[in-house]
Amino acid sequence: MADTEDYTRGRRDGLRLALAVLAAKEAKWATLLGESASWRTNLSREVRHKALQVAQKRLQTVLNRFSPKEEGAIDAELAAALEQLGL
């Protein structure tokens, strides 16, 4: 399939949406870390939290590959989304 501008923009939008979902889930699990009296539950929460962080990093890498390469070509929407996510 040919990579048209609309197609690549759609892919970037999808990746941004996935990053936002992962950020929300990570925030949820970050607040639960260490809250349980059970060490197994706490360990499970730590593993889940770390998995979400790894997934965010991998999505960020893919998003960077699809972003325009020219200096200053990154759009304001993408910059705002990445700043909101702390990336």
C-alpha atoms as a PDB file:
ATOM      1  CA  MET A   1       0.000   0.000   0.000  1.00  0.00           C
ATOM      2  CA  ALA A   2       1.361   3.387  -0.943  1.00  0.00           C
ATOM      3  CA  ASP A   3       2.147   5.730   1.945  1.00  0.00           C
ATOM      4  CA  THR A   4       0.104   8.799   1.176  1.00  0.00           C
ATOM      5  CA  GLU A   5       0.196  11.817   3.463  1.00  0.00           C
ATOM      6  CA  ASP A   6      -3.309  11.069   4.774  1.00  0.00           C
ATOM      7  CA  TYR A   7      -2.381   7.471   5.491  1.00  0.00           C
ATOM      8  CA  THR A   8       0.780   8.373   7.403  1.00  0.00           C
ATOM      9  CA  ARG A   9      -1.042  11.133   9.289  1.00  0.00           C
ATOM     10  CA  GLY A  10      -3.677   8.555  10.276  1.00  0.00           C
ATOM     11  CA  ARG A  11      -0.974   6.191  11.491  1.00  0.00           C
ATOM     12  CA  ARG A  12       0.568   8.957  13.606  1.00  0.00           C
ATOM     13  CA  ASP A  13      -2.851   9.856  15.022  1.00  0.00           C
ATOM     14  CA  GLY A  14      -3.435   6.219  15.949  1.00  0.00           C
ATOM     15  CA  LEU A  15      -0.073   6.042  17.687  1.00  0.00           C
ATOM     16  CA  ARG A  16      -0.820   9.252  19.581  1.00  0.00           C
ATOM     17  CA  LEU A  17      -4.126   7.792  20.731  1.00  0.00           C
ATOM     18  CA  ALA A  18      -2.396   4.606  21.877  1.00  0.00           C
ATOM     19  CA  LEU A  19       0.154   6.683  23.795  1.00  0.00           C
ATOM     20  CA  ALA A  20      -2.611   8.618  25.517  1.00  0.00           C
ATOM     21  CA  VAL A  21      -4.373   5.400  26.545  1.00  0.00           C
ATOM     22  CA  LEU A  22      -1.147   3.926  27.880  1.00  0.00           C
ATOM     23  CA  ALA A  23      -0.365   7.120  29.787  1.00  0.00           C
ATOM     24  CA  ALA A  24      -3.768   6.986  31.474  1.00  0.00           C
ATOM     25  CA  LYS A  25      -3.314   3.327  32.406  1.00  0.00           C
ATOM     26  CA  GLU A  26       0.214   3.964  33.674  1.00  0.00           C
ATOM     27  CA  ALA A  27      -1.039   6.818  35.866  1.00  0.00           C
ATOM     28  CA  LYS A  28      -3.685   4.503  37.315  1.00  0.00           C
ATOM     29  CA  TRP A  29      -1.150   1.813  38.187  1.00  0.00           C
ATOM     30  CA  ALA A  30       1.416   4.312  39.472  1.00  0.00           C
ATOM     31  CA  THR A  31      -1.004   5.412  42.185  1.00  0.00           C
ATOM     32  CA  LEU A  32      -1.584   1.795  43.253  1.00  0.00           C
ATOM     33  CA  LEU A  33       2.082   0.869  43.636  1.00  0.00           C
ATOM     34  CA  GLY A  34       2.854  -0.332  47.156  1.00  0.00           C
ATOM     35  CA  GLU A  35      -0.737   0.209  48.366  1.00  0.00           C
ATOM     36  CA  SER A  36      -1.611  -3.435  48.974  1.00  0.00           C
ATOM     37  CA  ALA A  37      -0.764  -5.389  52.105  1.00  0.00           C
ATOM     38  CA  SER A  38       0.081  -8.355  49.886  1.00  0.00           C
ATOM     39  CA  TRP A  39       3.590  -8.456  48.461  1.00  0.00           C
ATOM     40  CA  ARG A  40       2.363 -10.537  45.521  1.00  0.00           C
ATOM     41  CA  THR A  41      -0.197  -7.908  44.575  1.00  0.00           C
ATOM     42  CA  ASN A  42       2.407  -5.167  44.895  1.00  0.00           C
ATOM     43  CA  LEU A  43       4.837  -7.138  42.725  1.00  0.00           C
ATOM     44  CA  SER A  44       2.146  -7.725  40.116  1.00  0.00           C
ATOM     45  CA  ARG A  45       1.343  -4.001  40.058  1.00  0.00           C
ATOM     46  CA  GLU A  46       5.019  -3.095  39.658  1.00  0.00           C
ATOM     47  CA  VAL A  47       5.381  -5.507  36.742  1.00  0.00           C
ATOM     48  CA  ARG A  48       2.243  -4.151  35.074  1.00  0.00           C
ATOM     49  CA  HIS A  49       3.422  -0.571  35.578  1.00  0.00           C
ATOM     50  CA  LYS A  50       6.829  -1.357  34.061  1.00  0.00           C
ATOM     51  CA  ALA A  51       5.186  -3.136  31.109  1.00  0.00           C
ATOM     52  CA  LEU A  52       3.107  -0.023  30.411  1.00  0.00           C
ATOM     53  CA  GLN A  53       6.239   2.138  30.517  1.00  0.00           C
ATOM     54  CA  VAL A  54       8.009  -0.176  28.060  1.00  0.00           C
ATOM     55  CA  ALA A  55       4.990  -0.146  25.740  1.00  0.00           C
ATOM     56  CA  GLN A  56       4.929   3.663  25.827  1.00  0.00           C
ATOM     57  CA  LYS A  57       8.613   3.812  24.901  1.00  0.00           C
ATOM     58  CA  ARG A  58       8.134   1.382  22.020  1.00  0.00           C
ATOM     59  CA  LEU A  59       5.176   3.336  20.672  1.00  0.00           C
ATOM     60  CA  GLN A  60       7.182   6.543  20.965  1.00  0.00           C
ATOM     61  CA  THR A  61       9.949   4.947  18.905  1.00  0.00           C
ATOM     62  CA  VAL A  62       7.494   3.949  16.178  1.00  0.00           C
ATOM     63  CA  LEU A  63       5.889   7.392  16.237  1.00  0.00           C
ATOM     64  CA  ASN A  64       9.314   8.990  15.792  1.00  0.00           C
ATOM     65  CA  ARG A  65       9.881   6.825  12.716  1.00  0.00           C
ATOM     66  CA  PHE A  66       6.640   8.087  11.158  1.00  0.00           C
ATOM     67  CA  SER A  67       7.214  11.737  12.031  1.00  0.00           C
ATOM     68  CA  PRO A  68       8.486  14.133   9.362  1.00  0.00           C
ATOM     69  CA  LYS A  69      12.282  14.299   9.234  1.00  0.00           C
ATOM     70  CA  GLU A  70      12.653  17.973   8.314  1.00  0.00           C
ATOM     71  CA  GLU A  71      13.662  20.348  11.102  1.00  0.00           C
ATOM     72  CA  GLY A  72      10.604  22.188  12.382  1.00  0.00           C
ATOM     73  CA  ALA A  73       8.202  19.898  10.536  1.00  0.00           C
ATOM     74  CA  ILE A  74       6.761  18.456  13.748  1.00  0.00           C
ATOM     75  CA  ASP A  75       3.285  19.858  14.156  1.00  0.00           C
ATOM     76  CA  ALA A  76       2.031  21.679  17.238  1.00  0.00           C
ATOM     77  CA  GLU A  77      -0.511  18.959  18.003  1.00  0.00           C
ATOM     78  CA  LEU A  78       2.170  16.284  18.185  1.00  0.00           C
ATOM     79  CA  ALA A  79       4.421  18.480  20.319  1.00  0.00           C
ATOM     80  CA  ALA A  80       1.584  19.199  22.742  1.00  0.00           C
ATOM     81  CA  ALA A  81       0.628  15.512  22.975  1.00  0.00           C
ATOM     82  CA  LEU A  82       4.201  14.445  23.660  1.00  0.00           C
ATOM     83  CA  GLU A  83       4.682  17.181  26.247  1.00  0.00           C
ATOM     84  CA  GLN A  84       1.472  16.171  28.005  1.00  0.00           C
ATOM     85  CA  LEU A  85       2.727  12.597  28.172  1.00  0.00           C
ATOM     86  CA  GLY A  86       6.099  13.729  29.465  1.00  0.00           C
ATOM     87  CA  LEU A  87       8.011  12.279  26.526  1.00  0.00           C
END
